Amino acid sequence: MCELLGMSANVPTDICFSFKGLKERGGRTGPHKDGWGVAFYEGKGVCTFKDALPSYQSEIARLVSDYPIKSTAVVAHVRQANSGRVGLENTHPFTRELWGRYWTYAHNGQLKDFRQLAVERFQPVGTTDSERAFCYLLSELAKRYPNRSPGPKAAMRFIARLLPRLQQLGVFNMLLTDGEYVLAFCTTKLHWITRRAPFGVARLSDVDVDIDFSRETTPKDVVTIIATEPLTNNEQWHKMQPGEAQLFRFGEPLGR
């Protein structure tokens, strides 16, 4: 299986600390050696880095883990291939444009009979079950609202109603964002934590690195991190339940 990492924040925030932990799971402390990717939103724009190499060996991943790219919405992924060859076209996250906004998505799991999922306007480039599911979700969304967006929150809620069908096809843990909202869906394993004042020290589980967030933040900052497995070993993470969808906006959890 793959591993997911997402962030939602109310101010532009770098994800270097969390990404250092995820990077190690990409072939060193975990088996996810078949590529990695990360997408950062800046306003309406999105900057994506991908590599088919294991993230713990990738010079691009090392750059991302050390360079403080600041964003309010991030989706990242390390891959353990089970559908589709190892290559950039099958490396998450995937991004498409709809209604003048970029939508970015990553998936952990494996789906059976995924080719039955109807895709119309949005077509897969690669051969993974994951990208096919993404194209299905956006195709259904565009079909339901053919003329204009219903608004980002209503769009996310419509997508959330489609997710139980994908859950019936197999394991479907997912992150999806339009740069403002971040939607997380769990069928087997997904955790999240919201950090806000008073901030403290966090310690990574996969590498000997810690950080005192009180020195890196202001009292008004709110940052939520979503990950397949908790990235730190001294904080209390929320464990999502099978079939649970959770929506975040600018760091704040908006409820299931």
Protein backbone atom coordinates (compact mmCIF):
# COMPACT_ATOMS: atom_id res chain seq x y z
CA MET A 1 0.00 0.00 0.00
CA CYS A 2 0.98 3.63 -0.42
CA GLU A 3 1.12 6.40 2.15
CA LEU A 4 -0.60 9.78 2.10
CA LEU A 5 0.31 13.16 3.53
CA GLY A 6 -1.81 16.30 3.43
CA MET A 7 -1.84 19.73 4.99
CA SER A 8 -4.45 22.44 5.46
CA ALA A 9 -3.38 25.74 7.05
CA ASN A 10 -4.79 29.20 7.64
CA VAL A 11 -1.50 30.90 6.74
CA PRO A 12 1.17 29.84 4.22
CA THR A 13 3.13 27.15 6.04
CA ASP A 14 5.96 24.87 5.00
CA ILE A 15 5.62 21.10 5.31
CA CYS A 16 9.36 20.34 5.58
CA PHE A 17 9.08 18.70 9.01
CA SER A 18 6.27 16.29 8.06
CA PHE A 19 7.71 15.60 4.62
CA LYS A 20 11.04 14.53 6.18
CA GLY A 21 9.14 11.74 7.94
CA LEU A 22 7.18 10.73 4.84
CA LYS A 23 10.35 10.74 2.72
CA GLU A 24 11.94 8.10 4.94
CA ARG A 25 8.92 5.84 4.50
CA GLY A 26 9.51 5.93 0.74
CA GLY A 27 11.88 2.96 0.67
CA ARG A 28 13.86 3.19 3.90
CA THR A 29 11.53 2.74 6.90
CA GLY A 30 8.67 1.60 4.65
CA PRO A 31 8.21 -0.40 1.43
CA HIS A 32 6.85 2.50 -0.63
CA LYS A 33 9.74 2.68 -3.12
CA ASP A 34 7.89 3.11 -6.43
CA GLY A 35 7.85 6.88 -6.72
CA TRP A 36 6.61 9.88 -4.83
CA GLY A 37 5.06 13.29 -5.41
CA VAL A 38 3.92 16.44 -3.65
CA ALA A 39 1.73 19.36 -4.74
CA PHE A 40 1.79 22.82 -3.13
CA TYR A 41 -0.92 25.41 -3.68
CA GLU A 42 -0.11 29.10 -3.91
CA GLY A 43 -3.33 31.01 -4.46
CA LYS A 44 -4.97 29.46 -7.52
CA GLY A 45 -1.66 28.02 -8.74
CA VAL A 46 -0.20 24.64 -7.88
CA CYS A 47 3.43 23.55 -7.95
CA THR A 48 4.06 19.79 -8.23
CA PHE A 49 7.24 17.76 -7.74
CA LYS A 50 7.34 14.07 -8.76
CA ASP A 51 9.96 11.37 -9.14
CA ALA A 52 9.71 7.67 -9.96
CA LEU A 53 12.68 6.96 -7.67
CA PRO A 54 12.23 6.03 -3.99
CA SER A 55 11.79 9.27 -2.06
CA TYR A 56 14.51 8.47 0.46
CA GLN A 57 17.01 8.28 -2.43
CA SER A 58 15.60 11.14 -4.52
CA GLU A 59 17.57 14.37 -4.77
CA ILE A 60 14.32 16.16 -5.63
CA ALA A 61 12.72 14.85 -2.42
CA ARG A 62 15.76 15.99 -0.45
CA LEU A 63 15.34 19.47 -1.93
CA VAL A 64 11.64 19.55 -1.04
CA SER A 65 12.33 18.36 2.53
CA ASP A 66 14.89 21.13 3.09
CA TYR A 67 13.40 24.03 1.11
CA PRO A 68 10.59 25.86 2.96
CA ILE A 69 7.91 26.10 0.29
CA LYS A 70 4.96 27.77 2.02
CA SER A 71 1.40 26.80 1.19
CA THR A 72 -2.08 26.59 2.70
CA ALA A 73 -2.91 23.27 1.02
CA VAL A 74 -0.57 20.35 0.28
CA VAL A 75 -1.09 16.77 -0.95
CA ALA A 76 1.81 14.29 -0.98
CA HIS A 77 2.19 10.57 -1.63
CA VAL A 78 4.77 7.77 -1.58
CA ARG A 79 3.88 4.83 -3.81
CA GLN A 80 3.98 1.07 -3.50
CA ALA A 81 2.84 -0.02 -6.96
CA ASN A 82 0.02 -2.51 -7.33
CA SER A 83 -1.74 -1.19 -10.45
CA GLY A 84 0.24 0.24 -13.35
CA ARG A 85 3.97 0.31 -14.01
CA VAL A 86 6.47 2.40 -12.09
CA GLY A 87 6.68 5.68 -14.01
CA LEU A 88 5.86 9.37 -13.75
CA GLU A 89 2.47 8.97 -15.45
CA ASN A 90 1.40 6.67 -12.61
CA THR A 91 2.94 8.72 -9.80
CA HIS A 92 0.61 10.60 -7.44
CA PRO A 93 -0.67 13.20 -6.85
CA PHE A 94 -2.79 13.77 -9.95
CA THR A 95 -4.09 17.21 -10.93
CA ARG A 96 -6.89 18.36 -13.27
CA GLU A 97 -8.59 21.71 -13.98
CA LEU A 98 -12.31 22.22 -13.42
CA TRP A 99 -14.17 25.56 -13.35
CA GLY A 100 -10.90 27.46 -13.48
CA ARG A 101 -9.47 25.72 -10.41
CA TYR A 102 -6.86 23.01 -10.06
CA TRP A 103 -8.01 19.87 -8.24
CA THR A 104 -5.34 17.58 -6.80
CA TYR A 105 -5.81 14.03 -5.52
CA ALA A 106 -3.87 11.07 -4.13
CA HIS A 107 -5.06 7.58 -3.19
CA ASN A 108 -3.88 4.74 -0.98
CA GLY A 109 -5.31 1.30 -1.61
CA GLN A 110 -6.36 -1.04 -4.39
CA LEU A 111 -9.65 -1.18 -6.30
CA LYS A 112 -11.18 -4.16 -8.13
CA ASP A 113 -13.11 -3.77 -11.39
CA PHE A 114 -12.08 -0.11 -11.51
CA ARG A 115 -12.45 0.05 -15.30
CA GLN A 116 -16.23 -0.01 -14.81
CA LEU A 117 -15.99 3.54 -13.46
CA ALA A 118 -17.38 5.86 -16.12
CA VAL A 119 -15.16 8.72 -17.18
CA GLU A 120 -16.24 11.40 -19.63
CA ARG A 121 -14.59 14.79 -19.71
CA PHE A 122 -11.65 13.62 -17.60
CA GLN A 123 -9.49 10.80 -18.97
CA PRO A 124 -6.64 8.94 -17.25
CA VAL A 125 -3.13 9.47 -18.60
CA GLY A 126 -1.65 6.47 -16.81
CA THR A 127 -2.99 3.01 -16.04
CA THR A 128 -3.67 3.06 -12.29
CA ASP A 129 -6.93 2.39 -10.50
CA SER A 130 -6.21 5.55 -8.51
CA GLU A 131 -6.20 7.95 -11.46
CA ARG A 132 -9.27 6.27 -12.94
CA ALA A 133 -11.15 6.88 -9.68
CA PHE A 134 -10.07 10.53 -9.68
CA CYS A 135 -11.29 11.01 -13.26
CA TYR A 136 -14.57 9.33 -12.30
CA LEU A 137 -15.12 11.71 -9.38
CA LEU A 138 -14.46 14.83 -11.43
CA SER A 139 -16.50 13.54 -14.38
CA GLU A 140 -19.48 12.95 -12.08
CA LEU A 141 -19.03 16.39 -10.55
CA ALA A 142 -18.89 18.10 -13.94
CA LYS A 143 -21.93 16.11 -15.10
CA ARG A 144 -23.93 17.08 -12.01
CA TYR A 145 -23.07 20.78 -12.42
CA PRO A 146 -22.55 21.25 -16.18
CA ASN A 147 -22.80 25.01 -16.33
CA ARG A 148 -21.01 26.40 -13.29
CA SER A 149 -19.56 25.53 -9.93
CA PRO A 150 -22.00 25.11 -7.04
CA GLY A 151 -19.28 26.51 -4.78
CA PRO A 152 -16.27 24.63 -3.45
CA LYS A 153 -17.91 23.41 -0.25
CA ALA A 154 -20.99 22.06 -2.05
CA ALA A 155 -18.72 20.43 -4.64
CA MET A 156 -16.74 18.67 -1.92
CA ARG A 157 -19.93 17.46 -0.27
CA PHE A 158 -21.16 16.07 -3.59
CA ILE A 159 -17.88 14.20 -4.04
CA ALA A 160 -18.13 12.85 -0.49
CA ARG A 161 -21.46 11.25 -1.41
CA LEU A 162 -19.74 9.35 -4.24
CA LEU A 163 -16.99 7.88 -2.09
CA PRO A 164 -18.94 4.94 -0.58
CA ARG A 165 -19.24 3.49 -4.11
CA LEU A 166 -15.45 3.51 -4.44
CA GLN A 167 -15.16 2.00 -0.98
CA GLN A 168 -17.22 -0.96 -2.25
CA LEU A 169 -14.52 -1.65 -4.88
CA GLY A 170 -11.75 -2.12 -2.32
CA VAL A 171 -9.41 -0.07 -0.16
CA PHE A 172 -9.91 3.64 -0.80
CA ASN A 173 -8.08 6.06 1.45
CA MET A 174 -7.96 9.44 -0.27
CA LEU A 175 -6.96 13.09 -0.14
CA LEU A 176 -8.50 15.67 -2.49
CA THR A 177 -8.10 19.46 -2.56
CA ASP A 178 -9.02 22.45 -4.69
CA GLY A 179 -6.52 24.62 -2.83
CA GLU A 180 -9.11 25.93 -0.36
CA TYR A 181 -10.75 22.80 1.02
CA VAL A 182 -9.04 19.48 1.75
CA LEU A 183 -11.22 16.35 1.79
CA ALA A 184 -9.95 13.18 3.49
CA PHE A 185 -11.69 9.81 3.21
CA CYS A 186 -10.79 6.63 5.09
CA THR A 187 -11.62 3.00 4.53
CA THR A 188 -8.77 1.39 6.47
CA LYS A 189 -6.16 3.79 7.80
CA LEU A 190 -5.90 7.60 7.99
CA HIS A 191 -5.01 9.97 10.85
CA TRP A 192 -4.99 13.72 11.38
CA ILE A 193 -3.83 16.28 13.91
CA THR A 194 -4.62 19.99 14.23
CA ARG A 195 -1.90 22.13 15.79
CA ARG A 196 -2.78 25.50 17.29
CA ALA A 197 -1.62 27.67 20.19
CA PRO A 198 -0.14 26.85 22.59
CA PHE A 199 2.34 25.10 20.28
CA GLY A 200 4.90 22.63 21.60
CA VAL A 201 7.66 20.28 20.50
CA ALA A 202 6.93 17.50 17.99
CA ARG A 203 9.24 14.53 17.34
CA LEU A 204 9.27 12.45 14.15
CA SER A 205 8.94 8.67 14.40
CA ASP A 206 10.96 7.74 11.30
CA VAL A 207 14.04 9.94 11.72
CA ASP A 208 15.72 11.63 14.69
CA VAL A 209 14.28 15.11 14.09
CA ASP A 210 12.17 17.30 16.33
CA ILE A 211 10.87 20.85 16.13
CA ASP A 212 9.58 23.43 18.58
CA PHE A 213 6.57 24.85 16.76
CA SER A 214 6.28 27.71 19.26
CA ARG A 215 9.39 29.19 17.59
CA GLU A 216 8.03 28.75 14.07
CA THR A 217 4.46 29.99 14.44
CA THR A 218 2.27 32.83 15.66
CA PRO A 219 -0.57 32.41 18.19
CA LYS A 220 -3.12 32.73 15.36
CA ASP A 221 -1.74 29.88 13.24
CA VAL A 222 -3.85 26.75 12.69
CA VAL A 223 -2.32 23.81 10.81
CA THR A 224 -3.82 20.37 10.21
CA ILE A 225 -1.69 17.46 9.03
CA ILE A 226 -3.28 14.30 7.58
CA ALA A 227 -1.24 11.11 7.22
CA THR A 228 -1.75 7.40 6.71
CA GLU A 229 0.15 6.69 9.92
CA PRO A 230 0.99 9.29 12.62
CA LEU A 231 4.30 10.93 11.75
CA THR A 232 5.20 11.92 15.31
CA ASN A 233 5.50 9.80 18.44
CA ASN A 234 4.78 12.41 21.11
CA GLU A 235 1.45 13.84 19.94
CA GLN A 236 -2.15 12.65 20.00
CA TRP A 237 -3.49 12.00 16.49
CA HIS A 238 -7.14 11.46 15.56
CA LYS A 239 -7.75 8.05 13.98
CA MET A 240 -10.41 8.12 11.27
CA GLN A 241 -13.00 5.36 11.08
CA PRO A 242 -13.85 3.20 8.03
CA GLY A 243 -16.24 5.10 5.78
CA GLU A 244 -15.50 8.45 7.42
CA ALA A 245 -15.04 11.59 5.36
CA GLN A 246 -13.53 14.68 6.97
CA LEU A 247 -13.39 18.15 5.43
CA PHE A 248 -10.84 20.84 6.31
CA ARG A 249 -10.60 24.50 5.32
CA PHE A 250 -7.59 26.66 6.12
CA GLY A 251 -6.55 24.34 8.93
CA GLU A 252 -9.92 23.97 10.62
CA PRO A 253 -11.76 20.65 10.65
CA LEU A 254 -15.32 21.31 9.45
CA GLY A 255 -16.87 18.07 10.64
CA ARG A 256 -17.60 14.71 9.07
